[in-house]
C-alpha atoms as a PDB file:
ATOM      1  CA  MET A   1     193.605 -18.275  39.232  1.00  0.00           C
ATOM      2  CA  THR A   2     197.167 -17.085  38.713  1.00  0.00           C
ATOM      3  CA  THR A   3     199.746 -19.858  38.679  1.00  0.00           C
ATOM      4  CA  PRO A   4     202.622 -19.010  41.059  1.00  0.00           C
ATOM      5  CA  SER A   5     205.756 -18.059  39.159  1.00  0.00           C
ATOM      6  CA  GLN A   6     208.780 -20.310  39.539  1.00  0.00           C
ATOM      7  CA  GLY A   7     210.926 -19.202  42.506  1.00  0.00           C
ATOM      8  CA  ILE A   8     208.129 -17.202  44.169  1.00  0.00           C
ATOM      9  CA  SER A   9     206.702 -18.551  47.418  1.00  0.00           C
ATOM     10  CA  PRO A  10     202.926 -19.103  47.635  1.00  0.00           C
ATOM     11  CA  LEU A  11     202.729 -16.467  50.383  1.00  0.00           C
ATOM     12  CA  ARG A  12     204.482 -13.841  48.291  1.00  0.00           C
ATOM     13  CA  GLN A  13     202.346 -14.767  45.293  1.00  0.00           C
ATOM     14  CA  ARG A  14     199.196 -14.357  47.362  1.00  0.00           C
ATOM     15  CA  MET A  15     200.277 -10.890  48.449  1.00  0.00           C
ATOM     16  CA  MET A  16     201.093  -9.970  44.852  1.00  0.00           C
ATOM     17  CA  ASP A  17     197.661 -11.200  43.768  1.00  0.00           C
ATOM     18  CA  ASP A  18     195.994  -9.190  46.543  1.00  0.00           C
ATOM     19  CA  MET A  19     197.773  -6.026  45.417  1.00  0.00           C
ATOM     20  CA  ARG A  20     196.953  -6.686  41.784  1.00  0.00           C
ATOM     21  CA  MET A  21     193.284  -7.284  42.643  1.00  0.00           C
ATOM     22  CA  ARG A  22     193.187  -3.836  44.228  1.00  0.00           C
ATOM     23  CA  ARG A  23     195.084  -2.320  41.311  1.00  0.00           C
ATOM     24  CA  LEU A  24     197.748  -0.772  43.479  1.00  0.00           C
ATOM     25  CA  ALA A  25     200.318   1.270  41.576  1.00  0.00           C
ATOM     26  CA  PRO A  26     203.435  -0.709  40.531  1.00  0.00           C
ATOM     27  CA  ALA A  27     205.648   1.464  42.737  1.00  0.00           C
ATOM     28  CA  THR A  28     203.362   0.832  45.716  1.00  0.00           C
ATOM     29  CA  GLN A  29     203.443  -2.916  45.093  1.00  0.00           C
ATOM     30  CA  ALA A  30     207.236  -2.893  44.912  1.00  0.00           C
ATOM     31  CA  ASN A  31     207.472  -0.898  48.157  1.00  0.00           C
ATOM     32  CA  TYR A  32     205.091  -3.216  50.020  1.00  0.00           C
ATOM     33  CA  LEU A  33     207.043  -6.282  48.906  1.00  0.00           C
ATOM     34  CA  ARG A  34     210.313  -4.659  49.953  1.00  0.00           C
ATOM     35  CA  VAL A  35     208.871  -3.811  53.394  1.00  0.00           C
ATOM     36  CA  VAL A  36     207.763  -7.404  53.995  1.00  0.00           C
ATOM     37  CA  ARG A  37     211.074  -8.760  52.734  1.00  0.00           C
ATOM     38  CA  GLU A  38     213.041  -6.537  55.131  1.00  0.00           C
ATOM     39  CA  PHE A  39     210.795  -7.547  58.026  1.00  0.00           C
ATOM     40  CA  THR A  40     211.339 -11.220  57.139  1.00  0.00           C
ATOM     41  CA  VAL A  41     215.110 -10.742  57.294  1.00  0.00           C
ATOM     42  CA  PHE A  42     214.763  -9.142  60.723  1.00  0.00           C
ATOM     43  CA  LEU A  43     212.430 -11.888  61.938  1.00  0.00           C
ATOM     44  CA  GLY A  44     214.569 -14.741  60.668  1.00  0.00           C
ATOM     45  CA  ARG A  45     211.567 -16.892  59.756  1.00  0.00           C
ATOM     46  CA  SER A  46     208.411 -16.786  57.673  1.00  0.00           C
ATOM     47  CA  PRO A  47     206.549 -13.484  58.268  1.00  0.00           C
ATOM     48  CA  ASP A  48     203.186 -15.203  58.662  1.00  0.00           C
ATOM     49  CA  THR A  49     204.446 -16.586  62.008  1.00  0.00           C
ATOM     50  CA  ALA A  50     205.051 -13.104  63.475  1.00  0.00           C
ATOM     51  CA  THR A  51     203.459 -12.121  66.771  1.00  0.00           C
ATOM     52  CA  VAL A  52     202.358  -8.790  68.214  1.00  0.00           C
ATOM     53  CA  GLU A  53     205.613  -8.624  70.144  1.00  0.00           C
ATOM     54  CA  ASP A  54     207.675  -9.355  67.007  1.00  0.00           C
ATOM     55  CA  LEU A  55     206.147  -6.394  65.223  1.00  0.00           C
ATOM     56  CA  ARG A  56     206.607  -4.162  68.250  1.00  0.00           C
ATOM     57  CA  ARG A  57     210.300  -5.156  68.393  1.00  0.00           C
ATOM     58  CA  TYR A  58     210.627  -4.413  64.683  1.00  0.00           C
ATOM     59  CA  GLN A  59     209.303  -0.878  65.074  1.00  0.00           C
ATOM     60  CA  LEU A  60     211.769  -0.281  67.911  1.00  0.00           C
ATOM     61  CA  HIS A  61     214.502  -1.702  65.661  1.00  0.00           C
ATOM     62  CA  LEU A  62     213.643   0.788  62.916  1.00  0.00           C
ATOM     63  CA  VAL A  63     213.570   3.681  65.392  1.00  0.00           C
ATOM     64  CA  ASP A  64     216.962   2.699  66.827  1.00  0.00           C
ATOM     65  CA  ARG A  65     218.393   2.563  63.308  1.00  0.00           C
ATOM     66  CA  GLY A  66     217.375   6.171  62.790  1.00  0.00           C
ATOM     67  CA  VAL A  67     214.819   5.451  60.072  1.00  0.00           C
ATOM     68  CA  SER A  68     212.957   8.641  59.127  1.00  0.00           C
ATOM     69  CA  PRO A  69     209.319   9.057  60.218  1.00  0.00           C
ATOM     70  CA  ILE A  70     208.188   8.936  56.586  1.00  0.00           C
ATOM     71  CA  SER A  71     210.010   5.643  55.950  1.00  0.00           C
ATOM     72  CA  LEU A  72     208.786   4.239  59.269  1.00  0.00           C
ATOM     73  CA  ASN A  73     205.162   5.023  58.428  1.00  0.00           C
ATOM     74  CA  ALA A  74     205.640   3.531  54.965  1.00  0.00           C
ATOM     75  CA  ALA A  75     206.893   0.315  56.565  1.00  0.00           C
ATOM     76  CA  ILE A  76     203.873   0.188  58.866  1.00  0.00           C
ATOM     77  CA  THR A  77     201.527   0.713  55.904  1.00  0.00           C
ATOM     78  CA  GLY A  78     203.140  -2.114  53.923  1.00  0.00           C
ATOM     79  CA  LEU A  79     203.061  -4.493  56.873  1.00  0.00           C
ATOM     80  CA  LYS A  80     199.459  -3.578  57.598  1.00  0.00           C
ATOM     81  CA  PHE A  81     198.481  -4.556  54.063  1.00  0.00           C
ATOM     82  CA  PHE A  82     200.271  -7.891  54.422  1.00  0.00           C
ATOM     83  CA  PHE A  83     198.835  -8.828  57.803  1.00  0.00           C
ATOM     84  CA  VAL A  84     195.341  -7.384  57.384  1.00  0.00           C
ATOM     85  CA  THR A  85     194.613  -8.082  53.727  1.00  0.00           C
ATOM     86  CA  THR A  86     196.771 -11.045  52.786  1.00  0.00           C
ATOM     87  CA  LEU A  87     196.784 -12.949  56.086  1.00  0.00           C
ATOM     88  CA  GLY A  88     193.602 -11.662  57.722  1.00  0.00           C
ATOM     89  CA  GLN A  89     195.554 -11.220  60.956  1.00  0.00           C
ATOM     90  CA  GLY A  90     195.096  -7.529  61.667  1.00  0.00           C
ATOM     91  CA  GLU A  91     195.267  -8.124  65.404  1.00  0.00           C
ATOM     92  CA  VAL A  92     199.054  -8.626  65.292  1.00  0.00           C
ATOM     93  CA  MET A  93     199.429  -4.970  64.252  1.00  0.00           C
ATOM     94  CA  ALA A  94     197.941  -3.858  67.595  1.00  0.00           C
ATOM     95  CA  LYS A  95     201.185  -2.339  68.929  1.00  0.00           C
ATOM     96  CA  MET A  96     202.473  -0.801  65.690  1.00  0.00           C
ATOM     97  CA  ARG A  97     202.117   2.955  65.988  1.00  0.00           C
ATOM     98  CA  PRO A  98     202.504   5.399  63.077  1.00  0.00           C
ATOM     99  CA  ILE A  99     204.623   8.461  63.764  1.00  0.00           C
ATOM    100  CA  TYR A 100     203.083  11.919  63.663  1.00  0.00           C
ATOM    101  CA  LEU A 101     204.553  13.961  60.834  1.00  0.00           C
ATOM    102  CA  PRO A 102     204.692  17.710  61.495  1.00  0.00           C
ATOM    103  CA  ARG A 103     203.442  19.664  58.485  1.00  0.00           C
ATOM    104  CA  THR A 104     206.235  21.730  56.961  1.00  0.00           C
ATOM    105  CA  LEU A 105     205.903  24.527  54.436  1.00  0.00           C
ATOM    106  CA  PRO A 106     207.119  23.697  50.920  1.00  0.00           C
ATOM    107  CA  VAL A 107     210.060  25.418  49.258  1.00  0.00           C
ATOM    108  CA  ILE A 108     208.837  27.940  46.684  1.00  0.00           C
ATOM    109  CA  LEU A 109     210.859  29.417  43.835  1.00  0.00           C
ATOM    110  CA  SER A 110     210.337  32.959  42.629  1.00  0.00           C
ATOM    111  CA  ARG A 111     209.326  33.435  38.996  1.00  0.00           C
ATOM    112  CA  ASP A 112     212.861  34.584  38.209  1.00  0.00           C
ATOM    113  CA  GLU A 113     214.321  31.456  39.807  1.00  0.00           C
ATOM    114  CA  VAL A 114     211.950  29.226  37.833  1.00  0.00           C
ATOM    115  CA  GLY A 115     213.026  30.907  34.604  1.00  0.00           C
ATOM    116  CA  ARG A 116     216.705  30.454  35.448  1.00  0.00           C
ATOM    117  CA  LEU A 117     216.142  26.842  36.450  1.00  0.00           C
ATOM    118  CA  ILE A 118     214.434  25.904  33.179  1.00  0.00           C
ATOM    119  CA  ALA A 119     217.040  27.744  31.088  1.00  0.00           C
ATOM    120  CA  ALA A 120     219.870  25.979  32.944  1.00  0.00           C
ATOM    121  CA  ALA A 121     218.656  22.461  32.023  1.00  0.00           C
ATOM    122  CA  SER A 122     221.197  20.723  29.816  1.00  0.00           C
ATOM    123  CA  ASN A 123     219.130  20.177  26.659  1.00  0.00           C
ATOM    124  CA  LEU A 124     215.834  20.995  24.956  1.00  0.00           C
ATOM    125  CA  LYS A 125     214.062  17.846  26.138  1.00  0.00           C
ATOM    126  CA  HIS A 126     214.890  18.557  29.769  1.00  0.00           C
ATOM    127  CA  GLN A 127     214.026  22.246  29.457  1.00  0.00           C
ATOM    128  CA  THR A 128     210.647  21.344  27.967  1.00  0.00           C
ATOM    129  CA  ALA A 129     209.928  18.720  30.649  1.00  0.00           C
ATOM    130  CA  LEU A 130     210.664  21.237  33.414  1.00  0.00           C
ATOM    131  CA  ALA A 131     208.508  23.817  31.630  1.00  0.00           C
ATOM    132  CA  VAL A 132     205.634  21.300  31.554  1.00  0.00           C
ATOM    133  CA  ALA A 133     206.039  20.589  35.270  1.00  0.00           C
ATOM    134  CA  TYR A 134     205.908  24.278  36.168  1.00  0.00           C
ATOM    135  CA  GLY A 135     203.384  25.324  33.530  1.00  0.00           C
ATOM    136  CA  THR A 136     200.833  22.664  34.484  1.00  0.00           C
ATOM    137  CA  GLY A 137     201.591  21.706  38.088  1.00  0.00           C
ATOM    138  CA  LEU A 138     201.903  18.044  37.136  1.00  0.00           C
ATOM    139  CA  ARG A 139     203.770  15.599  39.339  1.00  0.00           C
ATOM    140  CA  ALA A 140     207.031  14.143  37.985  1.00  0.00           C
ATOM    141  CA  SER A 141     205.321  10.766  37.450  1.00  0.00           C
ATOM    142  CA  GLU A 142     202.581  12.491  35.453  1.00  0.00           C
ATOM    143  CA  VAL A 143     205.059  14.420  33.300  1.00  0.00           C
ATOM    144  CA  VAL A 144     206.991  11.329  32.219  1.00  0.00           C
ATOM    145  CA  ALA A 145     203.737   9.437  31.537  1.00  0.00           C
ATOM    146  CA  LEU A 146     202.557  11.981  28.946  1.00  0.00           C
ATOM    147  CA  LYS A 147     202.214  10.836  25.349  1.00  0.00           C
ATOM    148  CA  VAL A 148     202.114  12.901  22.189  1.00  0.00           C
ATOM    149  CA  GLY A 149     198.392  12.233  21.828  1.00  0.00           C
ATOM    150  CA  ASP A 150     197.717  13.755  25.260  1.00  0.00           C
ATOM    151  CA  VAL A 151     198.401  17.239  23.886  1.00  0.00           C
ATOM    152  CA  ASP A 152     195.130  18.821  22.736  1.00  0.00           C
ATOM    153  CA  SER A 153     195.933  22.103  21.000  1.00  0.00           C
ATOM    154  CA  GLN A 154     192.264  22.693  20.134  1.00  0.00           C
ATOM    155  CA  ARG A 155     191.002  22.617  23.710  1.00  0.00           C
ATOM    156  CA  MET A 156     194.376  23.793  25.083  1.00  0.00           C
ATOM    157  CA  THR A 157     194.617  20.945  27.565  1.00  0.00           C
ATOM    158  CA  LEU A 158     196.926  18.088  28.493  1.00  0.00           C
ATOM    159  CA  ARG A 159     195.247  14.794  29.281  1.00  0.00           C
ATOM    160  CA  VAL A 160     196.616  13.167  32.428  1.00  0.00           C
ATOM    161  CA  GLU A 161     195.793   9.471  32.421  1.00  0.00           C
ATOM    162  CA  GLN A 162     195.711   7.616  35.718  1.00  0.00           C
ATOM    163  CA  GLY A 163     197.415  10.268  37.811  1.00  0.00           C
ATOM    164  CA  LYS A 164     197.789   9.900  41.565  1.00  0.00           C
ATOM    165  CA  GLY A 165     194.857   7.933  42.933  1.00  0.00           C
ATOM    166  CA  GLN A 166     194.438   6.353  39.487  1.00  0.00           C
ATOM    167  CA  LYS A 167     192.261   9.217  38.287  1.00  0.00           C
ATOM    168  CA  ASP A 168     192.182  10.884  34.882  1.00  0.00           C
ATOM    169  CA  ARG A 169     192.081  14.672  34.666  1.00  0.00           C
ATOM    170  CA  TYR A 170     192.976  17.534  32.354  1.00  0.00           C
ATOM    171  CA  ALA A 171     195.769  20.046  32.911  1.00  0.00           C
ATOM    172  CA  MET A 172     195.951  23.533  31.475  1.00  0.00           C
ATOM    173  CA  LEU A 173     197.999  24.134  28.332  1.00  0.00           C
ATOM    174  CA  SER A 174     199.107  27.730  27.915  1.00  0.00           C
ATOM    175  CA  PRO A 175     200.063  29.204  24.515  1.00  0.00           C
ATOM    176  CA  VAL A 176     203.685  29.582  25.624  1.00  0.00           C
ATOM    177  CA  LEU A 177     203.868  25.969  26.747  1.00  0.00           C
ATOM    178  CA  LEU A 178     202.200  24.763  23.548  1.00  0.00           C
ATOM    179  CA  GLU A 179     204.847  26.561  21.484  1.00  0.00           C
ATOM    180  CA  ARG A 180     207.620  25.013  23.589  1.00  0.00           C
ATOM    181  CA  LEU A 181     206.102  21.570  23.035  1.00  0.00           C
ATOM    182  CA  ARG A 182     205.866  22.155  19.286  1.00  0.00           C
ATOM    183  CA  VAL A 183     209.526  23.157  19.101  1.00  0.00           C
ATOM    184  CA  TRP A 184     210.506  20.063  21.090  1.00  0.00           C
ATOM    185  CA  TRP A 185     208.278  17.826  18.922  1.00  0.00           C
ATOM    186  CA  ARG A 186     209.851  19.114  15.683  1.00  0.00           C
ATOM    187  CA  VAL A 187     213.400  18.663  16.972  1.00  0.00           C
ATOM    188  CA  ALA A 188     212.732  15.210  18.462  1.00  0.00           C
ATOM    189  CA  ARG A 189     210.991  13.985  15.306  1.00  0.00           C
ATOM    190  CA  ALA A 190     213.829  15.250  13.103  1.00  0.00           C
ATOM    191  CA  GLN A 191     216.320  13.368  15.297  1.00  0.00           C
ATOM    192  CA  GLY A 192     214.210  10.185  15.295  1.00  0.00           C
ATOM    193  CA  LYS A 193     213.794  10.327  19.080  1.00  0.00           C
ATOM    194  CA  MET A 194     209.998  10.437  19.185  1.00  0.00           C
ATOM    195  CA  LEU A 195     207.743   7.659  17.897  1.00  0.00           C
ATOM    196  CA  ASP A 196     204.282   8.125  16.393  1.00  0.00           C
ATOM    197  CA  GLY A 197     201.877   8.255  19.320  1.00  0.00           C
ATOM    198  CA  GLY A 198     204.809   7.583  21.640  1.00  0.00           C
ATOM    199  CA  TRP A 199     206.100   9.200  24.798  1.00  0.00           C
ATOM    200  CA  LEU A 200     206.257  12.978  24.873  1.00  0.00           C
ATOM    201  CA  PHE A 201     209.554  12.672  26.741  1.00  0.00           C
ATOM    202  CA  PRO A 202     211.183   9.405  25.632  1.00  0.00           C
ATOM    203  CA  GLY A 203     214.260   7.968  27.275  1.00  0.00           C
ATOM    204  CA  LEU A 204     217.446   6.970  25.479  1.00  0.00           C
ATOM    205  CA  ASP A 205     215.397   4.162  23.965  1.00  0.00           C
ATOM    206  CA  PRO A 206     212.292   5.851  22.462  1.00  0.00           C
ATOM    207  CA  ILE A 207     210.213   2.818  23.422  1.00  0.00           C
ATOM    208  CA  GLU A 208     210.721   3.727  27.090  1.00  0.00           C
ATOM    209  CA  SER A 209     209.778   7.021  28.711  1.00  0.00           C
ATOM    210  CA  LEU A 210     212.097   9.260  30.647  1.00  0.00           C
ATOM    211  CA  SER A 211     212.083   8.064  34.273  1.00  0.00           C
ATOM    212  CA  THR A 212     211.198  10.137  37.326  1.00  0.00           C
ATOM    213  CA  ARG A 213     214.651   9.400  38.733  1.00  0.00           C
ATOM    214  CA  GLN A 214     216.287  10.859  35.621  1.00  0.00           C
ATOM    215  CA  LEU A 215     214.008  13.882  35.787  1.00  0.00           C
ATOM    216  CA  ASN A 216     214.908  14.511  39.417  1.00  0.00           C
ATOM    217  CA  ARG A 217     218.592  14.342  38.530  1.00  0.00           C
ATOM    218  CA  VAL A 218     217.895  16.888  35.788  1.00  0.00           C
ATOM    219  CA  VAL A 219     216.258  19.380  38.139  1.00  0.00           C
ATOM    220  CA  HIS A 220     219.023  19.048  40.745  1.00  0.00           C
ATOM    221  CA  ALA A 221     221.710  19.655  38.108  1.00  0.00           C
ATOM    222  CA  ALA A 222     219.769  22.612  36.698  1.00  0.00           C
ATOM    223  CA  ALA A 223     219.374  24.183  40.143  1.00  0.00           C
ATOM    224  CA  GLU A 224     223.116  23.898  40.728  1.00  0.00           C
ATOM    225  CA  ALA A 225     223.905  25.341  37.303  1.00  0.00           C
ATOM    226  CA  ALA A 226     221.473  28.223  37.901  1.00  0.00           C
ATOM    227  CA  GLY A 227     223.036  29.021  41.275  1.00  0.00           C
ATOM    228  CA  ILE A 228     219.840  28.342  43.204  1.00  0.00           C
ATOM    229  CA  ASP A 229     220.689  27.509  46.822  1.00  0.00           C
ATOM    230  CA  LYS A 230     217.218  26.331  47.814  1.00  0.00           C
ATOM    231  CA  ARG A 231     216.473  22.623  48.183  1.00  0.00           C
ATOM    232  CA  VAL A 232     214.876  21.984  44.802  1.00  0.00           C
ATOM    233  CA  SER A 233     213.060  18.911  43.485  1.00  0.00           C
ATOM    234  CA  MET A 234     210.523  18.272  40.745  1.00  0.00           C
ATOM    235  CA  HIS A 235     207.776  18.783  43.320  1.00  0.00           C
ATOM    236  CA  THR A 236     209.153  22.278  43.958  1.00  0.00           C
ATOM    237  CA  LEU A 237     207.929  23.252  40.489  1.00  0.00           C
ATOM    238  CA  ARG A 238     204.444  21.956  41.354  1.00  0.00           C
ATOM    239  CA  HIS A 239     204.470  23.922  44.613  1.00  0.00           C
ATOM    240  CA  SER A 240     205.634  27.045  42.779  1.00  0.00           C
ATOM    241  CA  PHE A 241     202.919  26.641  40.127  1.00  0.00           C
ATOM    242  CA  ALA A 242     200.169  26.542  42.765  1.00  0.00           C
ATOM    243  CA  THR A 243     201.606  29.408  44.795  1.00  0.00           C
ATOM    244  CA  HIS A 244     202.067  31.690  41.802  1.00  0.00           C
ATOM    245  CA  LEU A 245     198.493  31.012  40.639  1.00  0.00           C
ATOM    246  CA  LEU A 246     197.212  31.895  44.106  1.00  0.00           C
ATOM    247  CA  GLU A 247     199.208  35.128  43.997  1.00  0.00           C
ATOM    248  CA  GLN A 248     197.546  35.851  40.643  1.00  0.00           C
ATOM    249  CA  LYS A 249     194.164  35.689  42.433  1.00  0.00           C
ATOM    250  CA  VAL A 250     193.120  32.397  40.827  1.00  0.00           C
ATOM    251  CA  ASP A 251     190.345  30.825  42.922  1.00  0.00           C
ATOM    252  CA  ILE A 252     191.751  28.217  45.278  1.00  0.00           C
ATOM    253  CA  ARG A 253     189.074  25.698  44.249  1.00  0.00           C
ATOM    254  CA  VAL A 254     190.233  25.992  40.640  1.00  0.00           C
ATOM    255  CA  ILE A 255     193.799  25.364  41.775  1.00  0.00           C
ATOM    256  CA  GLN A 256     192.582  22.329  43.721  1.00  0.00           C
ATOM    257  CA  VAL A 257     191.127  20.848  40.535  1.00  0.00           C
ATOM    258  CA  MET A 258     194.282  21.641  38.547  1.00  0.00           C
ATOM    259  CA  LEU A 259     196.465  19.887  41.099  1.00  0.00           C
ATOM    260  CA  GLY A 260     194.132  16.904  41.429  1.00  0.00           C
ATOM    261  CA  HIS A 261     193.839  17.322  45.198  1.00  0.00           C
ATOM    262  CA  LYS A 262     191.060  15.415  46.945  1.00  0.00           C
ATOM    263  CA  LYS A 263     190.801  17.870  49.838  1.00  0.00           C
ATOM    264  CA  LEU A 264     190.702  21.646  49.743  1.00  0.00           C
ATOM    265  CA  GLU A 265     192.779  21.885  52.913  1.00  0.00           C
ATOM    266  CA  THR A 266     195.704  20.320  51.042  1.00  0.00           C
ATOM    267  CA  THR A 267     195.588  23.139  48.502  1.00  0.00           C
ATOM    268  CA  ALA A 268     195.007  25.761  51.201  1.00  0.00           C
ATOM    269  CA  LEU A 269     198.559  25.165  52.433  1.00  0.00           C
ATOM    270  CA  TYR A 270     199.792  27.406  49.615  1.00  0.00           C
ATOM    271  CA  ALA A 271     198.072  30.408  51.152  1.00  0.00           C
ATOM    272  CA  GLN A 272     200.787  30.264  53.817  1.00  0.00           C
ATOM    273  CA  VAL A 273     203.607  30.641  51.288  1.00  0.00           C
ATOM    274  CA  ALA A 274     202.020  33.079  48.826  1.00  0.00           C
ATOM    275  CA  THR A 275     204.162  36.057  49.826  1.00  0.00           C
ATOM    276  CA  ASP A 276     202.606  38.452  47.311  1.00  0.00           C
ATOM    277  CA  ILE A 277     199.292  38.002  49.119  1.00  0.00           C
ATOM    278  CA  LEU A 278     200.937  38.568  52.503  1.00  0.00           C
ATOM    279  CA  ARG A 279     202.498  41.809  51.266  1.00  0.00           C
ATOM    280  CA  GLU A 280     199.071  43.145  50.303  1.00  0.00           C
ATOM    281  CA  VAL A 281     197.729  42.767  53.837  1.00  0.00           C
ATOM    282  CA  VAL A 282     197.835  45.980  55.849  1.00  0.00           C
ATOM    283  CA  SER A 283     199.115  45.455  59.379  1.00  0.00           C
ATOM    284  CA  PRO A 284     196.876  46.847  62.161  1.00  0.00           C
ATOM    285  CA  LEU A 285     200.011  48.565  63.447  1.00  0.00           C
ATOM    286  CA  ASP A 286     199.943  50.810  60.373  1.00  0.00           C
ATOM    287  CA  GLY A 287     196.504  52.102  61.402  1.00  0.00           C
ATOM    288  CA  LEU A 288     197.640  53.417  64.781  1.00  0.00           C
ATOM    289  CA  ASP A 289     198.081  57.132  65.354  1.00  0.00           C
ATOM    290  CA  PRO A 290     201.771  57.985  65.704  1.00  0.00           C
ATOM    291  CA  ALA A 291     202.819  58.448  69.302  1.00  0.00           C
END
């Protein structure tokens, strides 16, 4: 049994143990703890004394504060874990209602915009990281978690360890991307920035990897430098990767595997933004005899 750390309440320690038992991602654990801490501040007493009405009032409080639907649902998820799993009091969540999130279409960059974006990154490391994100469809968290040993030039794959959902998978490694990685590896090794078997994209301290926050700052700065007015994030490169593959007539089930999606309908969203495919469709209007 884990001995509670000094300064941590038994209740908090129990929740931490519950999350660790279920091997929740570190970021998820931190978010759940933050959610419970913020609820405790609102409540003004220990959260294990909360009632159904207390939780209902808290949701109204978040709505009145203008909290976004995504953040509101995240708060409900964290509180549900605490009350259902840690306390075994799921009944107090009876009046907490998640907010429906309308599905919006992702922002997609053209191939020209992607090229300009990558070229506009401030240095070789950042250019290579953005090229990996677009060339493989990896999430930002998966890009920064790559190690030198994950590059398999024989099988032309990148090994993704414990991606979203804590699942391993392989990503494609194109010849162009492999050459970019080799150039980056030679430069980084010559500068002493890359350790043997270390991170493919190390931070300022080679022992630590580049963070997702740093990578998101990189892509925002690159978009501004490239004169791209669209709302761009690291995930935009993933969306663009999937859309461009679909436009190249790659089977959607193959794309699903590449992206690591559980459900095909998640991948099918890209059919709605693949404009090259839309342009190939002949409108029934064009088949009418002219008046």
